[in-house]
């Protein structure tokens, strides 16, 4: 590890239909591995084992990263991949004999320190428990009594089989809380399960597909698929699939925000500029509101002037900045328009102007030279409904016909608009 290289641990690169395993490394075919969990053999003999949710064959497999003692005292060699539990039949059958149990497209796995594995079994809409000691499988929440009934899905908080999930994909164990968090994808929710009581309840999400930050009860997701707890187990990260976003759940404050990755605050220079320049990423989508700003006269005799710009962002009345969400701005560089810009991007601070200096290029075209400033603003209404709004401020640059003496001074104002209500 640490070399930066990538190598294949197991699998031929072609989907197989082997339901037993026993091959070593790249000689063993596997089928649609969906999730991984790193643990030990569960027998007290140590070792390092990579557990695999093998969705394609409806099983849980194990890949041995070290030599170790396995179930019933068998010895397993490093590099071997074998079936752990599941017959390969697609069903919701729990059994103390691991090879008689059945799964239905297991998609998420997580381990406890007590030698248990929890499985998000997507097609049966259940969460199941597997003993690492012997591979026995037990029900936790969801599903029907009939093991062949894979249509017992819905969105119901409750205990054991009374609870209803719909195509859960991700599951993660909190050792601190002794709870399971579940990405209930088709219900657009994150749920929490107490294995001790087998009770399942909604943690966050309204059940409607959307992209809304804020308190757990008002937040919206769109088919959340993956989960990860931070080391403190007080923050839950959610891969919000259809929103193409990573959401952040503060488990203490009970709020949802969107994770932002901030680029370094560097100047834009003429070399390598443009929306397609390496490393440049848009903050907003193509449908962001375009705000036409008044033209700015710069330079003298064809451009090459300096613009000192102050931009103030104000929120609509009775709204406030979303706690924990980072509102941001950046200049979209265009070749031939800007010689440099500093700073080029940054965070929008409440009640503070955004101040930047633009140096325009020589030879500006009077009718087509425009600077665009991109804004992404997070704000919430007093009712708790939160919004994410993007905008593009388009600033036409007009070259002066007389020699420039001082830099142009420009002040702009922008305020996001509340969505219209029916």
Protein backbone atom coordinates (compact mmCIF):
# COMPACT_ATOMS: atom_id res chain seq x y z
CA UNK A 1 0.00 0.00 0.00
CA UNK A 2 1.04 3.60 -0.50
CA UNK A 3 2.70 3.00 -3.88
CA UNK A 4 -0.20 4.45 -5.87
CA UNK A 5 -0.52 1.28 -7.93
CA UNK A 6 -3.75 -0.63 -8.63
CA UNK A 7 -3.91 -4.43 -8.71
CA UNK A 8 -6.68 -7.02 -8.90
CA UNK A 9 -7.35 -8.86 -5.65
CA UNK A 10 -9.79 -11.41 -7.03
CA UNK A 11 -11.83 -11.89 -10.19
CA UNK A 12 -11.06 -12.56 -13.85
CA UNK A 13 -12.65 -9.35 -15.16
CA UNK A 14 -15.48 -11.36 -16.72
CA UNK A 15 -18.75 -12.10 -14.92
CA UNK A 16 -18.90 -15.72 -13.81
CA UNK A 17 -21.56 -18.04 -12.41
CA UNK A 18 -19.48 -20.01 -9.91
CA UNK A 19 -21.37 -20.33 -6.61
CA UNK A 20 -18.70 -22.17 -4.60
CA UNK A 21 -15.33 -20.51 -5.17
CA UNK A 22 -12.02 -21.85 -3.95
CA UNK A 23 -9.87 -20.32 -6.69
CA UNK A 24 -6.97 -18.04 -6.00
CA UNK A 25 -6.78 -14.35 -6.83
CA UNK A 26 -7.31 -13.63 -10.56
CA UNK A 27 -8.15 -17.25 -11.33
CA UNK A 28 -11.43 -17.09 -9.38
CA UNK A 29 -14.44 -15.78 -11.32
CA UNK A 30 -16.96 -13.68 -9.39
CA UNK A 31 -20.30 -12.04 -10.24
CA UNK A 32 -21.35 -8.42 -9.61
CA UNK A 33 -19.60 -7.65 -6.30
CA UNK A 34 -21.58 -4.79 -4.77
CA UNK A 35 -19.98 -3.95 -1.44
CA UNK A 36 -17.03 -4.86 0.81
CA UNK A 37 -16.26 -5.07 4.52
CA UNK A 38 -12.85 -5.80 6.04
CA UNK A 39 -12.75 -7.96 9.16
CA UNK A 40 -11.34 -11.15 10.64
CA UNK A 41 -12.35 -14.79 10.39
CA UNK A 42 -14.83 -14.52 13.27
CA UNK A 43 -13.51 -17.75 14.80
CA UNK A 44 -11.07 -16.18 17.24
CA UNK A 45 -8.16 -17.21 15.06
CA UNK A 46 -7.54 -13.70 13.70
CA UNK A 47 -6.58 -13.30 10.09
CA UNK A 48 -7.70 -10.64 7.63
CA UNK A 49 -10.80 -11.38 5.59
CA UNK A 50 -12.48 -9.27 2.94
CA UNK A 51 -16.23 -9.99 2.94
CA UNK A 52 -17.99 -9.42 -0.39
CA UNK A 53 -21.66 -8.77 -1.09
CA UNK A 54 -21.89 -10.90 -4.25
CA UNK A 55 -25.11 -9.51 -5.68
CA UNK A 56 -24.86 -11.46 -8.93
CA UNK A 57 -25.07 -14.88 -7.25
CA UNK A 58 -27.15 -13.75 -4.23
CA UNK A 59 -24.42 -14.73 -1.76
CA UNK A 60 -21.82 -13.40 0.66
CA UNK A 61 -18.26 -14.43 -0.21
CA UNK A 62 -14.94 -14.14 1.61
CA UNK A 63 -11.49 -13.36 0.25
CA UNK A 64 -8.56 -14.23 2.52
CA UNK A 65 -5.90 -11.57 2.74
CA UNK A 66 -3.86 -13.75 5.11
CA UNK A 67 -3.71 -17.42 6.02
CA UNK A 68 -6.29 -18.06 8.73
CA UNK A 69 -8.48 -20.59 10.52
CA UNK A 70 -11.99 -20.62 9.06
CA UNK A 71 -15.37 -22.13 9.92
CA UNK A 72 -15.25 -25.54 11.59
CA UNK A 73 -11.49 -25.29 11.96
CA UNK A 74 -10.72 -25.39 8.25
CA UNK A 75 -7.52 -23.71 7.12
CA UNK A 76 -7.70 -21.12 4.36
CA UNK A 77 -4.77 -19.90 2.34
CA UNK A 78 -3.98 -16.29 1.54
CA UNK A 79 -5.41 -15.20 -1.82
CA UNK A 80 -8.28 -17.71 -1.94
CA UNK A 81 -11.89 -16.54 -2.48
CA UNK A 82 -14.81 -18.75 -1.36
CA UNK A 83 -18.52 -18.67 -0.73
CA UNK A 84 -19.30 -17.78 2.88
CA UNK A 85 -23.09 -17.93 3.11
CA UNK A 86 -26.00 -18.22 0.70
CA UNK A 87 -27.12 -21.07 -1.54
CA UNK A 88 -27.22 -18.96 -4.68
CA UNK A 89 -31.01 -19.17 -4.93
CA UNK A 90 -32.71 -15.76 -5.00
CA UNK A 91 -34.92 -15.75 -1.92
CA UNK A 92 -35.34 -14.41 1.62
CA UNK A 93 -34.52 -17.56 3.57
CA UNK A 94 -32.88 -17.42 7.00
CA UNK A 95 -31.12 -20.53 8.24
CA UNK A 96 -28.53 -21.54 10.80
CA UNK A 97 -26.79 -23.55 8.08
CA UNK A 98 -24.97 -20.97 5.93
CA UNK A 99 -25.28 -22.84 2.64
CA UNK A 100 -29.04 -23.25 3.05
CA UNK A 101 -29.71 -19.57 3.65
CA UNK A 102 -30.76 -17.44 0.65
CA UNK A 103 -30.31 -13.81 -0.26
CA UNK A 104 -31.77 -11.62 -3.00
CA UNK A 105 -29.15 -9.32 -4.48
CA UNK A 106 -27.28 -8.41 -1.28
CA UNK A 107 -25.96 -4.91 -1.84
CA UNK A 108 -24.50 -3.59 1.42
CA UNK A 109 -22.48 -5.17 4.23
CA UNK A 110 -21.14 -3.86 7.53
CA UNK A 111 -19.40 -5.54 10.49
CA UNK A 112 -19.60 -5.15 14.26
CA UNK A 113 -16.85 -5.72 16.79
CA UNK A 114 -19.00 -8.50 18.23
CA UNK A 115 -18.55 -10.82 15.24
CA UNK A 116 -21.73 -9.99 13.33
CA UNK A 117 -22.36 -8.87 9.78
CA UNK A 118 -25.44 -6.92 8.75
CA UNK A 119 -26.59 -7.12 5.14
CA UNK A 120 -28.79 -4.76 3.13
CA UNK A 121 -30.58 -7.35 0.99
CA UNK A 122 -32.01 -5.14 -1.73
CA UNK A 123 -34.43 -7.35 -3.68
CA UNK A 124 -36.06 -8.78 -0.56
CA UNK A 125 -36.19 -5.26 0.96
CA UNK A 126 -34.73 -6.55 4.23
CA UNK A 127 -31.84 -6.13 6.60
CA UNK A 128 -30.34 -9.48 7.64
CA UNK A 129 -27.77 -10.57 10.24
CA UNK A 130 -24.95 -13.07 9.62
CA UNK A 131 -22.77 -14.64 12.31
CA UNK A 132 -19.10 -14.50 11.34
CA UNK A 133 -18.48 -17.49 13.62
CA UNK A 134 -20.62 -19.98 11.69
CA UNK A 135 -22.34 -18.13 8.81
CA UNK A 136 -25.86 -18.56 10.20
CA UNK A 137 -28.38 -16.00 8.94
CA UNK A 138 -31.21 -14.34 10.91
CA UNK A 139 -33.87 -11.77 10.07
CA UNK A 140 -33.67 -8.25 11.46
CA UNK A 141 -36.29 -6.06 9.76
CA UNK A 142 -38.50 -6.19 6.69
CA UNK A 143 -39.61 -8.99 4.40
CA UNK A 144 -42.39 -11.55 4.31
CA UNK A 145 -42.83 -14.88 6.12
CA UNK A 146 -42.75 -16.69 2.77
CA UNK A 147 -39.06 -16.79 1.74
CA UNK A 148 -40.04 -16.69 -1.94
CA UNK A 149 -42.11 -13.52 -1.56
CA UNK A 150 -39.84 -10.69 -2.70
CA UNK A 151 -42.64 -8.14 -2.95
CA UNK A 152 -43.06 -7.30 0.74
CA UNK A 153 -41.81 -3.77 0.33
CA UNK A 154 -43.10 -0.35 1.34
CA UNK A 155 -42.30 2.55 3.65
CA UNK A 156 -43.40 1.66 7.16
CA UNK A 157 -41.60 2.29 10.44
CA UNK A 158 -42.04 -0.66 12.77
CA UNK A 159 -40.61 -3.74 14.41
CA UNK A 160 -39.25 -6.82 12.67
CA UNK A 161 -41.43 -7.94 9.78
CA UNK A 162 -43.87 -5.12 10.48
CA UNK A 163 -41.29 -2.67 9.13
CA UNK A 164 -41.15 -2.04 5.40
CA UNK A 165 -38.19 -0.94 3.31
CA UNK A 166 -37.90 -0.59 -0.45
CA UNK A 167 -34.66 -1.73 -2.11
CA UNK A 168 -32.15 -0.83 0.63
CA UNK A 169 -28.63 -0.52 -0.79
CA UNK A 170 -26.29 0.71 1.94
CA UNK A 171 -25.88 -0.18 5.61
CA UNK A 172 -23.35 0.94 8.22
CA UNK A 173 -22.93 -0.01 11.88
CA UNK A 174 -22.37 2.54 14.64
CA UNK A 175 -20.40 0.96 17.46
CA UNK A 176 -20.94 4.07 19.58
CA UNK A 177 -24.75 3.96 19.35
CA UNK A 178 -25.15 0.21 18.68
CA UNK A 179 -27.39 1.13 15.76
CA UNK A 180 -27.56 0.48 12.03
CA UNK A 181 -28.03 3.22 9.47
CA UNK A 182 -29.69 2.11 6.23
CA UNK A 183 -29.87 3.80 2.82
CA UNK A 184 -33.49 3.02 1.91
CA UNK A 185 -33.01 3.93 -1.73
CA UNK A 186 -36.44 3.75 -3.36
CA UNK A 187 -38.06 5.44 -0.35
CA UNK A 188 -35.55 8.32 -0.65
CA UNK A 189 -34.79 8.04 3.06
CA UNK A 190 -32.08 7.19 5.53
CA UNK A 191 -33.43 4.89 8.24
CA UNK A 192 -32.07 3.67 11.55
CA UNK A 193 -32.41 0.16 12.93
CA UNK A 194 -31.90 -0.98 16.52
CA UNK A 195 -30.90 -4.66 16.22
CA UNK A 196 -31.55 -5.24 19.92
CA UNK A 197 -35.26 -4.42 19.53
CA UNK A 198 -35.53 -4.99 15.75
CA UNK A 199 -37.16 -1.59 15.44
CA UNK A 200 -36.74 0.42 12.24
CA UNK A 201 -37.54 4.15 12.06
CA UNK A 202 -37.01 7.01 9.63
CA UNK A 203 -33.94 9.09 10.44
CA UNK A 204 -34.00 11.65 7.62
CA UNK A 205 -35.99 12.29 4.47
CA UNK A 206 -39.61 13.09 3.65
CA UNK A 207 -40.08 10.16 1.28
CA UNK A 208 -40.26 12.53 -1.69
CA UNK A 209 -37.40 12.62 -4.19
CA UNK A 210 -35.58 15.96 -4.05
CA UNK A 211 -32.46 17.87 -3.06
CA UNK A 212 -33.32 19.79 0.10
CA UNK A 213 -30.97 20.44 3.01
CA UNK A 214 -32.04 21.34 6.53
CA UNK A 215 -33.53 19.53 9.52
CA UNK A 216 -33.87 15.74 9.19
CA UNK A 217 -37.67 15.91 8.93
CA UNK A 218 -37.56 18.40 6.02
CA UNK A 219 -34.53 17.07 4.11
CA UNK A 220 -34.97 15.28 0.81
CA UNK A 221 -32.81 12.72 -1.03
CA UNK A 222 -33.05 10.94 -4.37
CA UNK A 223 -32.25 7.23 -4.15
CA UNK A 224 -29.47 7.33 -1.54
CA UNK A 225 -27.18 4.38 -2.15
CA UNK A 226 -24.11 4.39 0.11
CA UNK A 227 -23.28 5.30 3.71
CA UNK A 228 -20.13 6.03 5.71
CA UNK A 229 -19.62 7.20 9.28
CA UNK A 230 -16.77 9.53 10.21
CA UNK A 231 -14.32 8.34 12.93
CA UNK A 232 -16.31 10.08 15.68
CA UNK A 233 -19.51 8.35 14.48
CA UNK A 234 -21.30 11.68 14.86
CA UNK A 235 -21.39 12.49 11.15
CA UNK A 236 -22.96 10.26 8.50
CA UNK A 237 -22.02 10.71 4.84
CA UNK A 238 -24.59 9.66 2.24
CA UNK A 239 -23.98 8.97 -1.44
CA UNK A 240 -27.13 10.59 -2.82
CA UNK A 241 -27.17 8.81 -6.16
CA UNK A 242 -29.69 10.63 -8.32
CA UNK A 243 -28.68 14.01 -6.94
CA UNK A 244 -25.05 13.33 -7.87
CA UNK A 245 -24.08 14.67 -4.46
CA UNK A 246 -22.58 13.66 -1.13
CA UNK A 247 -24.84 14.69 1.74
CA UNK A 248 -23.67 15.22 5.31
CA UNK A 249 -25.91 14.25 8.24
CA UNK A 250 -24.96 15.80 11.57
CA UNK A 251 -26.34 13.19 13.97
CA UNK A 252 -26.13 15.52 16.98
CA UNK A 253 -27.67 18.62 15.38
CA UNK A 254 -30.01 16.51 13.18
CA UNK A 255 -29.35 18.54 10.06
CA UNK A 256 -28.50 17.66 6.46
CA UNK A 257 -26.09 19.65 4.30
CA UNK A 258 -24.31 19.04 1.02
CA UNK A 259 -20.59 18.31 1.01
CA UNK A 260 -18.56 20.83 -0.96
CA UNK A 261 -15.01 20.35 -2.11
CA UNK A 262 -13.25 23.69 -2.20
CA UNK A 263 -10.55 24.37 -4.77
CA UNK A 264 -7.45 26.34 -3.68
CA UNK A 265 -7.82 30.12 -3.81
CA UNK A 266 -5.53 30.88 -6.75
CA UNK A 267 -5.45 33.51 -9.44
CA UNK A 268 -6.77 32.87 -12.93
CA UNK A 269 -4.20 33.79 -15.57
CA UNK A 270 -4.46 33.92 -19.32
CA UNK A 271 -2.46 30.73 -19.74
CA UNK A 272 -4.75 27.71 -19.60
CA UNK A 273 -7.97 29.59 -18.93
CA UNK A 274 -11.45 28.66 -20.06
CA UNK A 275 -14.31 26.50 -18.78
CA UNK A 276 -12.61 23.45 -20.29
CA UNK A 277 -9.26 24.16 -18.63
CA UNK A 278 -7.83 21.28 -16.55
CA UNK A 279 -9.20 21.26 -13.02
CA UNK A 280 -12.03 23.73 -13.68
CA UNK A 281 -15.42 22.54 -12.41
CA UNK A 282 -18.77 24.31 -12.46
CA UNK A 283 -20.58 25.04 -9.21
CA UNK A 284 -24.01 25.02 -10.81
CA UNK A 285 -25.89 23.20 -13.54
CA UNK A 286 -26.66 24.37 -17.05
CA UNK A 287 -30.09 25.61 -15.95
CA UNK A 288 -28.75 28.11 -13.44
CA UNK A 289 -30.40 31.53 -13.54
CA UNK A 290 -28.49 34.02 -15.73
CA UNK A 291 -28.49 37.57 -14.36
CA UNK A 292 -27.59 40.26 -16.90
CA UNK A 293 -25.56 43.02 -15.25
CA UNK A 294 -24.96 46.56 -16.54
CA UNK A 295 -21.96 46.89 -18.90
CA UNK A 296 -18.62 48.01 -17.48
CA UNK A 297 -16.29 50.31 -19.39
CA UNK A 298 -12.65 49.27 -19.04
CA UNK A 299 -9.22 50.18 -20.31
CA UNK A 300 -8.39 52.53 -23.10
CA UNK A 301 -8.01 52.06 -26.80
CA UNK A 302 -9.14 48.43 -26.93
CA UNK A 303 -9.00 47.09 -23.39
CA UNK A 304 -6.17 46.03 -21.12
CA UNK A 305 -7.72 47.76 -18.13
CA UNK A 306 -8.37 46.93 -14.50
CA UNK A 307 -11.75 46.43 -12.83
CA UNK A 308 -12.17 46.44 -9.08
CA UNK A 309 -15.43 44.71 -8.31
CA UNK A 310 -17.45 44.48 -5.10
CA UNK A 311 -20.33 42.00 -4.99
CA UNK A 312 -22.78 41.80 -2.11
CA UNK A 313 -25.16 38.84 -1.73
CA UNK A 314 -28.30 39.42 0.33
CA UNK A 315 -30.92 36.82 1.20
CA UNK A 316 -34.69 37.20 0.78
CA UNK A 317 -36.61 38.51 3.82
CA UNK A 318 -37.32 35.96 6.61
CA UNK A 319 -34.55 33.63 5.45
CA UNK A 320 -31.12 32.80 6.82
CA UNK A 321 -27.95 31.08 5.65
CA UNK A 322 -28.09 27.27 5.88
CA UNK A 323 -26.06 26.15 8.89
CA UNK A 324 -23.12 23.97 7.90
CA UNK A 325 -23.55 24.49 4.12
CA UNK A 326 -20.85 26.39 2.24
CA UNK A 327 -22.15 29.00 -0.20
CA UNK A 328 -19.51 29.74 -2.81
CA UNK A 329 -18.58 31.82 -5.86
CA UNK A 330 -16.09 31.64 -8.69
CA UNK A 331 -15.15 33.46 -11.88
CA UNK A 332 -15.64 31.45 -15.06
CA UNK A 333 -12.50 32.24 -17.07
CA UNK A 334 -12.81 32.99 -20.77
CA UNK A 335 -9.76 33.03 -23.09
CA UNK A 336 -9.10 36.44 -24.61
CA UNK A 337 -11.25 38.28 -22.06
CA UNK A 338 -9.26 38.19 -18.80
CA UNK A 339 -5.54 38.52 -18.40
CA UNK A 340 -5.85 37.68 -14.71
CA UNK A 341 -8.29 37.61 -11.82
CA UNK A 342 -7.57 37.59 -8.11
CA UNK A 343 -9.05 35.95 -6.18
CA UNK A 344 -10.75 33.62 -8.64
CA UNK A 345 -13.05 31.83 -6.22
CA UNK A 346 -14.07 31.81 -2.61
CA UNK A 347 -16.71 31.33 0.07
CA UNK A 348 -19.68 33.68 0.43
CA UNK A 349 -19.55 35.11 3.94
CA UNK A 350 -22.74 36.58 5.46
CA UNK A 351 -22.76 40.40 5.43
CA UNK A 352 -19.37 40.60 3.70
CA UNK A 353 -18.66 41.93 0.20
CA UNK A 354 -16.90 39.74 -2.32
CA UNK A 355 -13.98 41.85 -3.52
CA UNK A 356 -11.89 40.94 -6.55
CA UNK A 357 -9.69 42.54 -9.17
CA UNK A 358 -10.04 41.75 -12.88
CA UNK A 359 -7.35 42.63 -15.41
CA UNK A 360 -8.82 42.51 -18.90
CA UNK A 361 -6.94 41.37 -21.99
CA UNK A 362 -5.93 43.61 -24.87
CA UNK A 363 -8.18 43.68 -27.89
CA UNK A 364 -11.55 43.20 -26.22
CA UNK A 365 -14.45 42.75 -28.61
CA UNK A 366 -17.05 45.44 -27.82
CA UNK A 367 -20.05 43.15 -28.45
CA UNK A 368 -18.92 39.78 -27.12
CA UNK A 369 -16.58 40.28 -24.17
CA UNK A 370 -18.32 39.10 -21.00
CA UNK A 371 -17.13 38.00 -17.57
CA UNK A 372 -19.32 35.48 -15.74
CA UNK A 373 -19.35 35.07 -11.97
CA UNK A 374 -20.95 31.88 -10.74
CA UNK A 375 -22.78 31.78 -7.38
CA UNK A 376 -24.15 28.87 -5.34
CA UNK A 377 -26.22 29.99 -2.35
CA UNK A 378 -27.71 27.85 0.43
CA UNK A 379 -30.48 29.42 2.53
CA UNK A 380 -33.47 28.38 4.65
CA UNK A 381 -36.90 29.84 5.33
CA UNK A 382 -38.14 30.34 8.87
CA UNK A 383 -40.42 27.31 8.38
CA UNK A 384 -37.34 25.09 8.02
CA UNK A 385 -37.61 24.61 4.25
CA UNK A 386 -34.12 25.00 2.75
CA UNK A 387 -33.00 25.89 -0.76
CA UNK A 388 -29.91 25.63 -2.95
CA UNK A 389 -29.85 28.25 -5.71
CA UNK A 390 -27.28 28.83 -8.42
CA UNK A 391 -26.83 31.89 -10.61
CA UNK A 392 -24.53 33.28 -13.29
CA UNK A 393 -23.84 37.02 -13.21
CA UNK A 394 -22.99 38.07 -16.77
CA UNK A 395 -20.99 41.32 -16.88
CA UNK A 396 -20.42 42.82 -20.37
CA UNK A 397 -17.03 44.53 -20.77
CA UNK A 398 -16.88 47.53 -23.09
CA UNK A 399 -13.43 48.86 -24.11
CA UNK A 400 -13.05 52.60 -23.63
CA UNK A 401 -12.07 54.72 -26.59
CA UNK A 402 -10.11 57.15 -24.43
CA UNK A 403 -6.93 56.48 -22.43
CA UNK A 404 -7.59 54.88 -19.05
CA UNK A 405 -6.48 56.82 -16.00
CA UNK A 406 -7.88 54.91 -13.03
CA UNK A 407 -9.29 51.39 -12.54
CA UNK A 408 -13.02 50.95 -13.02
CA UNK A 409 -14.92 50.62 -9.74
CA UNK A 410 -18.03 48.43 -9.88
CA UNK A 411 -20.54 47.39 -7.18
CA UNK A 412 -23.02 44.58 -7.87
CA UNK A 413 -25.88 43.22 -5.79
CA UNK A 414 -27.46 39.79 -6.01
CA UNK A 415 -30.33 38.23 -4.06
CA UNK A 416 -31.66 34.69 -4.66
CA UNK A 417 -35.37 34.33 -5.24
CA UNK A 418 -37.75 32.16 -3.27
CA UNK A 419 -39.51 29.52 -5.42
CA UNK A 420 -43.04 30.42 -6.37
CA UNK A 421 -45.72 28.59 -4.40
CA UNK A 422 -48.92 27.29 -5.91
